[in-house]
Amino acid sequence: MTDLNQAISLNSKNSNAYMTRGRIKFAQKDYKNALSDFMQTTALDPKNSAAYYNKGLSERYLQDYKSAIADYTMAIAIDPTDPDYFNDRGVSKKNLDDYKGAIEDYSQAITLNPKFESPYYNRGLAKNKLKDYKGAIDDFNKSIELIPANADAYYGRGDSKRYMEDFKGAIEDYTKVISLDNDIDAYNARGLCRSHLEDYLGAIIDYNKALAIDAKYANAYYNRALANGGLKNLNDALDDNNTYITLEPKDPDGYFKRANTKFELEDYKSAIDDYSATIALDSQYIDAWFNRALSKRYLNDFKGAGDDYSQAIVLDPKYEDAYNNRGIVKVHLNDTAGACADFKKALELGSKDAPDNIAKFCK
């Protein structure tokens, strides 16, 4: 680095020195100063496609994805034959949620070099985002063919299979990831699949292994609580709910899941507190309004329950269960006309419970 600094001080127009120094700074993760050197390189040598490419890489790592795309595009305009330029432009597009544009770039990189593994893997990730799971699996298969020990590709393929509800196939892929790389996320994902197959004990074992790697891995507590709930180990589930909330105090899902556990434990008052915390964090959380109403019903707070069902209906005017349950609340409040109007609306929306309620209360 000292020699490069000296070379630049002796000749401020030495574009190669700026380029080399920029690459060293980039390797040192000094992206801001690397970017400065690459900017100087492009100013001195505007036909240098590699300088624009490296400038784009620096901007990408600084999370300035729009600028990165602009520089990759400049690099491609100068040299449209380099697959790296298209692949990395695709990554920046992906980071801006432009998955279709990313796929176009990955595909062009593959056209330029069919044995280039990275764009297959990246295209698989983008296809997962677009819910083209079969197409994603094809790309991950190709990635694995090119690099057989590619743990990331097995993980991506496992995700595709999990999204397609091929839980057994996903478990095989996550298991392969674990054999290649003792990956915490793979234990968690495999646990999710086992829970879907109602192998709750197996799921808990996987979550425990994840927590052995990192005792503050919040997702494992969240998911282990669900698995314990599946086994009706409600006190264990509650312990995990509590730990998750300690680690992620601003996640409304954490309070909602703990409220559900408390509801199953018939601690309705405390469940209401957690449903209220959920709503405070996310006022659009419709299931929290509905479940809080149900908890209030169990405590004979029919007025409060009715208000919560009404809010659920505001959020989803076609929520048949909310109409039906509000009708039951109105029966308790001696509002027969209002109850029957709700039962009829629930029936109109397809409620299977509404006919019995109409027959019972609306004579």
Protein backbone atom coordinates (compact mmCIF):
# COMPACT_ATOMS: atom_id res chain seq x y z
CA MET A 1 0.00 0.00 0.00
CA THR A 2 2.87 2.38 0.80
CA ASP A 3 4.33 1.93 -2.69
CA LEU A 4 0.95 2.63 -4.28
CA ASN A 5 0.48 5.78 -2.22
CA GLN A 6 3.94 6.88 -3.31
CA ALA A 7 3.19 6.10 -6.96
CA ILE A 8 0.00 8.18 -6.81
CA SER A 9 1.77 11.07 -5.09
CA LEU A 10 4.37 11.07 -7.89
CA ASN A 11 1.77 10.75 -10.66
CA SER A 12 -1.81 11.68 -9.75
CA LYS A 13 -2.99 10.40 -13.15
CA ASN A 14 -1.78 6.85 -12.64
CA SER A 15 -5.09 5.04 -13.09
CA ASN A 16 -3.55 1.59 -12.56
CA ALA A 17 -2.26 2.62 -9.14
CA TYR A 18 -5.72 3.84 -8.11
CA MET A 19 -7.26 0.63 -9.41
CA THR A 20 -4.81 -1.60 -7.55
CA ARG A 21 -5.14 0.38 -4.33
CA GLY A 22 -8.92 0.25 -4.63
CA ARG A 23 -8.82 -3.53 -4.92
CA ILE A 24 -6.64 -3.81 -1.83
CA LYS A 25 -8.99 -1.56 0.15
CA PHE A 26 -11.96 -3.58 -1.08
CA ALA A 27 -10.28 -6.81 0.09
CA GLN A 28 -9.81 -5.11 3.48
CA LYS A 29 -13.56 -4.30 3.49
CA ASP A 30 -12.80 -0.60 3.37
CA TYR A 31 -15.54 -0.13 0.79
CA LYS A 32 -15.91 3.62 1.12
CA ASN A 33 -12.26 4.36 0.35
CA ALA A 34 -12.14 1.62 -2.27
CA LEU A 35 -15.05 3.36 -4.00
CA SER A 36 -13.11 6.62 -3.95
CA ASP A 37 -10.18 4.98 -5.74
CA PHE A 38 -12.39 3.30 -8.33
CA MET A 39 -14.12 6.62 -8.98
CA GLN A 40 -10.74 8.15 -9.63
CA THR A 41 -9.88 5.25 -11.95
CA THR A 42 -13.02 5.74 -14.06
CA ALA A 43 -12.39 9.47 -14.24
CA LEU A 44 -8.87 8.86 -15.58
CA ASP A 45 -9.77 5.84 -17.73
CA PRO A 46 -13.46 6.02 -18.74
CA LYS A 47 -13.15 2.95 -21.01
CA ASN A 48 -12.04 0.68 -18.17
CA SER A 49 -14.94 -1.74 -17.71
CA ALA A 50 -13.30 -3.43 -14.71
CA ALA A 51 -13.11 -0.10 -12.89
CA TYR A 52 -16.86 0.44 -13.29
CA TYR A 53 -17.45 -3.15 -12.20
CA ASN A 54 -15.36 -2.73 -9.05
CA LYS A 55 -17.02 0.60 -8.40
CA GLY A 56 -20.36 -1.20 -8.59
CA LEU A 57 -19.16 -3.90 -6.20
CA SER A 58 -18.12 -1.26 -3.67
CA GLU A 59 -21.47 0.48 -3.95
CA ARG A 60 -23.27 -2.82 -3.52
CA TYR A 61 -21.44 -3.55 -0.29
CA LEU A 62 -22.31 -0.01 0.83
CA GLN A 63 -25.95 -0.92 0.03
CA ASP A 64 -26.22 1.75 -2.66
CA TYR A 65 -27.83 -0.68 -5.09
CA LYS A 66 -29.13 1.84 -7.62
CA SER A 67 -25.67 3.33 -8.10
CA ALA A 68 -24.21 -0.17 -8.32
CA ILE A 69 -26.64 -1.08 -11.09
CA ALA A 70 -25.70 2.08 -12.98
CA ASP A 71 -22.01 1.20 -12.80
CA TYR A 72 -22.52 -2.45 -13.74
CA THR A 73 -24.52 -1.17 -16.72
CA MET A 74 -21.58 1.07 -17.71
CA ALA A 75 -19.23 -1.92 -17.44
CA ILE A 76 -21.57 -3.99 -19.65
CA ALA A 77 -21.79 -1.20 -22.23
CA ILE A 78 -17.99 -1.27 -22.52
CA ASP A 79 -17.66 -5.06 -22.37
CA PRO A 80 -20.90 -7.07 -22.83
CA THR A 81 -19.04 -10.41 -22.78
CA ASP A 82 -18.17 -10.68 -19.08
CA PRO A 83 -20.66 -12.89 -17.18
CA ASP A 84 -19.57 -11.45 -13.81
CA TYR A 85 -20.97 -8.06 -14.79
CA PHE A 86 -24.41 -9.50 -15.46
CA ASN A 87 -24.35 -11.78 -12.41
CA ASP A 88 -23.47 -8.99 -10.01
CA ARG A 89 -25.93 -6.57 -11.58
CA GLY A 90 -28.53 -9.27 -10.99
CA VAL A 91 -27.58 -9.41 -7.30
CA SER A 92 -28.13 -5.66 -6.93
CA LYS A 93 -31.48 -5.92 -8.70
CA LYS A 94 -32.42 -8.73 -6.34
CA ASN A 95 -31.52 -6.50 -3.41
CA LEU A 96 -34.05 -3.98 -4.75
CA ASP A 97 -36.67 -6.77 -5.04
CA ASP A 98 -36.52 -6.65 -8.85
CA TYR A 99 -36.50 -10.42 -9.15
CA LYS A 100 -37.57 -10.55 -12.80
CA GLY A 101 -34.81 -8.15 -13.79
CA ALA A 102 -32.34 -10.14 -11.71
CA ILE A 103 -33.35 -13.38 -13.46
CA GLU A 104 -32.76 -11.75 -16.85
CA ASP A 105 -29.23 -10.82 -15.81
CA TYR A 106 -28.47 -14.24 -14.31
CA SER A 107 -29.74 -15.89 -17.48
CA GLN A 108 -27.47 -13.73 -19.61
CA ALA A 109 -24.51 -14.62 -17.39
CA ILE A 110 -25.33 -18.31 -17.92
CA THR A 111 -25.59 -17.79 -21.67
CA LEU A 112 -22.11 -16.27 -21.66
CA ASN A 113 -20.70 -19.07 -19.48
CA PRO A 114 -22.90 -22.16 -18.96
CA LYS A 115 -20.42 -23.57 -16.43
CA PHE A 116 -20.55 -20.48 -14.19
CA GLU A 117 -22.15 -21.80 -10.98
CA SER A 118 -23.04 -18.55 -9.19
CA PRO A 119 -25.81 -17.32 -11.53
CA TYR A 120 -27.60 -20.69 -11.32
CA TYR A 121 -27.65 -20.43 -7.54
CA ASN A 122 -28.67 -16.76 -7.62
CA ARG A 123 -31.38 -17.42 -10.19
CA GLY A 124 -32.72 -20.20 -7.96
CA LEU A 125 -33.02 -17.74 -5.07
CA ALA A 126 -34.86 -15.24 -7.29
CA LYS A 127 -37.23 -17.92 -8.56
CA ASN A 128 -38.02 -18.88 -4.97
CA LYS A 129 -39.00 -15.27 -4.35
CA LEU A 130 -41.33 -15.41 -7.37
CA LYS A 131 -42.74 -18.76 -6.13
CA ASP A 132 -41.39 -20.61 -9.18
CA TYR A 133 -40.23 -23.42 -6.94
CA LYS A 134 -39.85 -26.06 -9.65
CA GLY A 135 -37.73 -23.69 -11.72
CA ALA A 136 -35.69 -22.87 -8.62
CA ILE A 137 -35.05 -26.56 -7.98
CA ASP A 138 -33.78 -26.95 -11.55
CA ASP A 139 -31.30 -24.13 -10.95
CA PHE A 140 -30.15 -25.46 -7.60
CA ASN A 141 -29.70 -28.90 -9.19
CA LYS A 142 -27.40 -27.34 -11.78
CA SER A 143 -25.51 -25.44 -9.09
CA ILE A 144 -24.98 -28.71 -7.18
CA GLU A 145 -23.91 -30.47 -10.38
CA LEU A 146 -21.21 -27.83 -10.89
CA ILE A 147 -20.16 -27.68 -7.21
CA PRO A 148 -21.29 -30.90 -5.45
CA ALA A 149 -20.35 -29.67 -1.97
CA ASN A 150 -22.34 -26.43 -2.31
CA ALA A 151 -24.15 -26.22 1.03
CA ASP A 152 -25.94 -23.00 0.02
CA ALA A 153 -27.48 -24.68 -3.02
CA TYR A 154 -28.73 -27.60 -0.94
CA TYR A 155 -30.23 -25.10 1.50
CA GLY A 156 -31.93 -23.16 -1.29
CA ARG A 157 -33.30 -26.39 -2.78
CA GLY A 158 -34.50 -27.41 0.67
CA ASP A 159 -36.40 -24.13 0.91
CA SER A 160 -37.99 -24.74 -2.50
CA LYS A 161 -39.16 -28.19 -1.43
CA ARG A 162 -40.44 -26.85 1.90
CA TYR A 163 -42.45 -24.15 0.12
CA MET A 164 -43.92 -26.90 -2.09
CA GLU A 165 -44.74 -28.86 1.12
CA ASP A 166 -42.35 -31.65 0.15
CA PHE A 167 -41.19 -31.77 3.75
CA LYS A 168 -39.43 -35.12 3.51
CA GLY A 169 -37.43 -33.97 0.49
CA ALA A 170 -36.60 -30.71 2.24
CA ILE A 171 -35.39 -32.60 5.31
CA GLU A 172 -32.98 -34.56 3.09
CA ASP A 173 -31.52 -31.33 1.74
CA TYR A 174 -31.23 -29.62 5.10
CA THR A 175 -29.57 -32.76 6.47
CA LYS A 176 -27.02 -32.54 3.63
CA VAL A 177 -26.36 -28.91 4.53
CA ILE A 178 -25.71 -29.93 8.14
CA SER A 179 -23.29 -32.63 7.02
CA LEU A 180 -21.38 -30.10 4.92
CA ASP A 181 -21.62 -27.14 7.26
CA ASN A 182 -22.99 -27.34 10.81
CA ASP A 183 -25.46 -24.60 9.85
CA ILE A 184 -27.76 -23.16 12.50
CA ASP A 185 -30.41 -22.12 9.97
CA ALA A 186 -30.50 -25.64 8.54
CA TYR A 187 -31.31 -27.10 11.97
CA ASN A 188 -34.08 -24.54 12.35
CA ALA A 189 -35.49 -25.19 8.86
CA ARG A 190 -35.33 -28.96 9.35
CA GLY A 191 -37.17 -28.51 12.62
CA LEU A 192 -39.91 -26.60 10.81
CA CYS A 193 -40.32 -29.47 8.35
CA ARG A 194 -40.50 -32.01 11.15
CA SER A 195 -43.16 -29.93 12.87
CA HIS A 196 -45.19 -29.90 9.66
CA LEU A 197 -44.95 -33.70 9.66
CA GLU A 198 -46.07 -33.64 13.33
CA ASP A 199 -42.72 -35.01 14.44
CA TYR A 200 -42.62 -32.49 17.25
CA LEU A 201 -39.99 -34.34 19.28
CA GLY A 202 -37.67 -34.46 16.27
CA ALA A 203 -38.31 -30.77 15.67
CA ILE A 204 -37.44 -29.92 19.28
CA ILE A 205 -34.18 -31.87 18.96
CA ASP A 206 -33.28 -29.75 15.93
CA TYR A 207 -34.16 -26.49 17.69
CA ASN A 208 -32.05 -27.61 20.66
CA LYS A 209 -29.11 -28.21 18.31
CA ALA A 210 -29.55 -24.73 16.85
CA LEU A 211 -29.56 -23.24 20.34
CA ALA A 212 -26.42 -25.22 21.24
CA ILE A 213 -24.71 -23.26 18.47
CA ASP A 214 -26.20 -19.91 19.50
CA ALA A 215 -28.21 -19.61 22.71
CA LYS A 216 -29.63 -16.27 21.49
CA TYR A 217 -30.99 -17.62 18.21
CA ALA A 218 -34.50 -16.22 18.56
CA ASN A 219 -36.19 -18.20 15.78
CA ALA A 220 -35.42 -21.48 17.52
CA TYR A 221 -37.24 -20.37 20.67
CA TYR A 222 -40.20 -19.18 18.59
CA ASN A 223 -40.45 -22.45 16.68
CA ARG A 224 -39.71 -24.66 19.69
CA ALA A 225 -42.64 -23.00 21.45
CA LEU A 226 -44.88 -24.09 18.58
CA ALA A 227 -43.53 -27.64 18.70
CA ASN A 228 -44.05 -27.78 22.47
CA GLY A 229 -47.57 -26.53 21.85
CA GLY A 230 -48.09 -29.39 19.41
CA LEU A 231 -47.11 -31.78 22.20
CA LYS A 232 -49.34 -29.85 24.66
CA ASN A 233 -46.25 -29.05 26.73
CA LEU A 234 -47.80 -25.66 27.32
CA ASN A 235 -45.61 -24.54 30.21
CA ASP A 236 -42.50 -25.32 28.17
CA ALA A 237 -44.04 -23.48 25.24
CA LEU A 238 -44.68 -20.49 27.50
CA ASP A 239 -41.05 -20.47 28.65
CA ASP A 240 -39.95 -20.36 25.01
CA ASN A 241 -42.50 -17.62 24.22
CA ASN A 242 -41.05 -15.57 27.07
CA THR A 243 -37.47 -16.02 25.90
CA TYR A 244 -38.38 -15.11 22.33
CA ILE A 245 -40.02 -11.88 23.48
CA THR A 246 -36.95 -11.03 25.57
CA LEU A 247 -34.82 -11.40 22.42
CA GLU A 248 -37.33 -9.80 20.00
CA PRO A 249 -39.43 -7.37 22.08
CA LYS A 250 -40.82 -5.51 19.06
CA ASP A 251 -42.14 -8.50 17.13
CA PRO A 252 -45.95 -8.64 17.37
CA ASP A 253 -45.91 -12.34 16.44
CA GLY A 254 -44.08 -13.13 19.66
CA TYR A 255 -46.82 -11.61 21.82
CA PHE A 256 -49.53 -13.17 19.69
CA LYS A 257 -48.06 -16.67 20.05
CA ARG A 258 -47.61 -16.21 23.79
CA ALA A 259 -51.20 -15.03 24.04
CA ASN A 260 -52.33 -18.20 22.24
CA THR A 261 -50.35 -20.32 24.70
CA LYS A 262 -51.92 -18.49 27.64
CA PHE A 263 -55.34 -18.94 26.06
CA GLU A 264 -54.77 -22.70 25.92
CA LEU A 265 -53.73 -22.54 29.58
CA GLU A 266 -57.09 -20.81 30.21
CA ASP A 267 -55.31 -17.70 31.49
CA TYR A 268 -57.64 -15.44 29.52
CA LYS A 269 -56.86 -12.23 31.36
CA SER A 270 -53.14 -12.52 30.70
CA ALA A 271 -53.85 -13.62 27.12
CA ILE A 272 -55.80 -10.39 26.61
CA ASP A 273 -52.78 -8.40 27.78
CA ASP A 274 -50.61 -10.09 25.12
CA TYR A 275 -53.20 -9.68 22.37
CA SER A 276 -53.32 -6.00 23.35
CA ALA A 277 -49.52 -5.82 23.11
CA THR A 278 -49.74 -7.39 19.66
CA ILE A 279 -52.27 -4.78 18.54
CA ALA A 280 -50.17 -1.96 20.01
CA LEU A 281 -47.30 -3.07 17.77
CA ASP A 282 -49.49 -3.79 14.73
CA SER A 283 -53.03 -2.40 14.70
CA GLN A 284 -53.77 -4.35 11.49
CA TYR A 285 -53.14 -7.72 13.15
CA ILE A 286 -56.64 -9.06 12.56
CA ASP A 287 -56.17 -12.41 14.35
CA ALA A 288 -55.18 -10.55 17.52
CA TRP A 289 -58.46 -8.60 17.44
CA PHE A 290 -60.41 -11.81 16.85
CA ASN A 291 -58.63 -13.83 19.54
CA ARG A 292 -58.83 -11.00 22.06
CA ALA A 293 -62.57 -10.91 21.46
CA LEU A 294 -62.76 -14.65 22.11
CA SER A 295 -60.80 -14.25 25.35
CA LYS A 296 -63.15 -11.48 26.46
CA ARG A 297 -66.13 -13.72 25.70
CA TYR A 298 -64.70 -16.37 28.00
CA LEU A 299 -64.53 -13.71 30.73
CA ASN A 300 -68.13 -12.65 29.98
CA ASP A 301 -67.00 -9.24 28.73
CA PHE A 302 -69.49 -9.33 25.88
CA LYS A 303 -69.40 -5.61 25.16
CA GLY A 304 -65.60 -5.66 24.84
CA ALA A 305 -65.75 -8.81 22.73
CA GLY A 306 -68.28 -7.21 20.40
CA ASP A 307 -66.07 -4.17 19.93
CA ASP A 308 -63.12 -6.39 19.00
CA TYR A 309 -65.14 -8.46 16.53
CA SER A 310 -66.32 -5.21 14.97
CA GLN A 311 -62.73 -4.08 14.51
CA ALA A 312 -61.89 -7.42 12.91
CA ILE A 313 -64.75 -6.85 10.49
CA VAL A 314 -63.47 -3.35 9.70
CA LEU A 315 -60.14 -4.93 8.78
CA ASP A 316 -61.82 -7.70 6.75
CA PRO A 317 -65.46 -7.07 5.80
CA LYS A 318 -65.73 -10.68 4.59
CA TYR A 319 -64.62 -12.28 7.85
CA GLU A 320 -67.49 -14.73 8.29
CA ASP A 321 -66.39 -16.03 11.70
CA ALA A 322 -66.23 -12.50 13.08
CA TYR A 323 -69.84 -11.87 12.03
CA ASN A 324 -70.97 -15.19 13.45
CA ASN A 325 -69.16 -14.69 16.75
CA ARG A 326 -70.35 -11.10 17.06
CA GLY A 327 -73.84 -12.45 16.61
CA ILE A 328 -73.34 -14.77 19.59
CA VAL A 329 -72.07 -11.83 21.65
CA LYS A 330 -75.16 -9.82 20.70
CA VAL A 331 -77.37 -12.69 21.88
CA HIS A 332 -75.72 -12.36 25.30
CA LEU A 333 -76.36 -8.61 25.16
CA ASN A 334 -80.06 -9.26 24.36
CA ASP A 335 -79.70 -7.67 20.91
CA THR A 336 -81.55 -10.37 19.01
CA ALA A 337 -82.15 -8.29 15.91
CA GLY A 338 -78.48 -7.36 15.67
CA ALA A 339 -77.46 -10.95 16.32
CA CYS A 340 -79.69 -12.27 13.55
CA ALA A 341 -78.37 -9.65 11.13
CA ASP A 342 -74.84 -10.87 11.87
CA PHE A 343 -75.78 -14.54 11.53
CA LYS A 344 -77.41 -13.85 8.17
CA LYS A 345 -74.32 -11.95 6.99
CA ALA A 346 -72.12 -14.84 8.14
CA LEU A 347 -74.36 -17.26 6.22
CA GLU A 348 -74.12 -15.08 3.12
CA LEU A 349 -70.31 -15.25 3.40
CA GLY A 350 -70.37 -19.06 3.70
CA SER A 351 -70.28 -19.73 7.46
CA LYS A 352 -71.07 -23.34 8.34
CA ASP A 353 -72.08 -22.39 11.89
CA ALA A 354 -74.53 -19.64 10.95
CA PRO A 355 -77.48 -21.92 9.95
CA ASP A 356 -77.64 -23.51 13.42
CA ASN A 357 -77.49 -20.09 15.08
CA ILE A 358 -80.23 -18.74 12.85
CA ALA A 359 -82.41 -21.75 13.63
CA LYS A 360 -81.76 -21.36 17.36
CA PHE A 361 -81.99 -17.60 17.85
CA CYS A 362 -83.86 -16.14 14.87
CA LYS A 363 -87.35 -17.65 14.99
